[in-house]
Amino acid sequence: MSTTPEHNLDAAAEVADCPRCQKAMPLCVCDGITALSNKIAVLILQHPQEQDRALGTARLTALHLDNAVLKVGLSWPSLAKALGRPVADPSRWAILYLGSAKAAELAAGQELVALDRKGELAANQSDILRHIQGVVVLDGTWSQAKALWWRNPWMLKCQRVILGPKAPSRYGRLRREPRRDGLSTLEAVGLLLGRLEKRPELEQALLASFERMLARFREVQAVRPDLAPRPAPRRDRRRR
């Protein structure tokens, strides 16, 4: 029987989404999610137009961590409102910064680098990183992440940090990042928590889940490309 685009759309519509991870059921990896305790809080802010649920990792990341919040929207009046808490001091939080600074150029060999307000290497790196209570990660394309940045002035009070991963994203050919240091949200959070909490096992647990998600995607893509389509080339990719 021939397969038309309309038929593919109808077939995709018949497949239910997982209520937990919100991926199509054949792509769901919830059975492998294990609870991970984290002392450093995580806040993931996802742009509402971020629509790539098949390969996205924001919700998967939040499901894994005991101390994590995922919010979808454009703006929140304060960090406390975004977290759903009565009080939260953004100066004790870090934000994964969007600027052009590269860790490899500022501090060769360092995977986590703190910046000052000028986007330059901050003094007292170890002291800054030791006192971080939480991290904010923006989820979406580069332009979407920048929109979140400019619509939430309280982010200017957060400590800016950048990543210098030793290896490129595990997305590989499934998704091309605009920069070699571009990572998925899950990879970025794993690297952040692994270094801030000095717990490499936490990062490895998150990465193992990411690998399962990618393996499941490739399996489904081979038989149901309507559910796991090949991502269209885009120059505006950001962590997801």
Foldseek 3Di string as FASTA:
>chain_A
DDDDPVNLVVVQVVFDADPQLRAGVLLDPVVLADADEFQAAEEEEEEQPADPSLQACPSVLQSRYPRYYYHYDQEDAEPCRSNVHPDDQQLLAEEADLDPDACCVQPNPFFKFWADLVRHGDPPGVVSLQRRRYYYYYDDWSVSSVSSVVRYVNNSSHTYMHGHDPFAEPCPQLADALDRRAYAPLLVVLSSRCVSVVPNVSSVSSVVSSVVSSVSLVVCCVPRCSSRPRDDDDNGGHHD
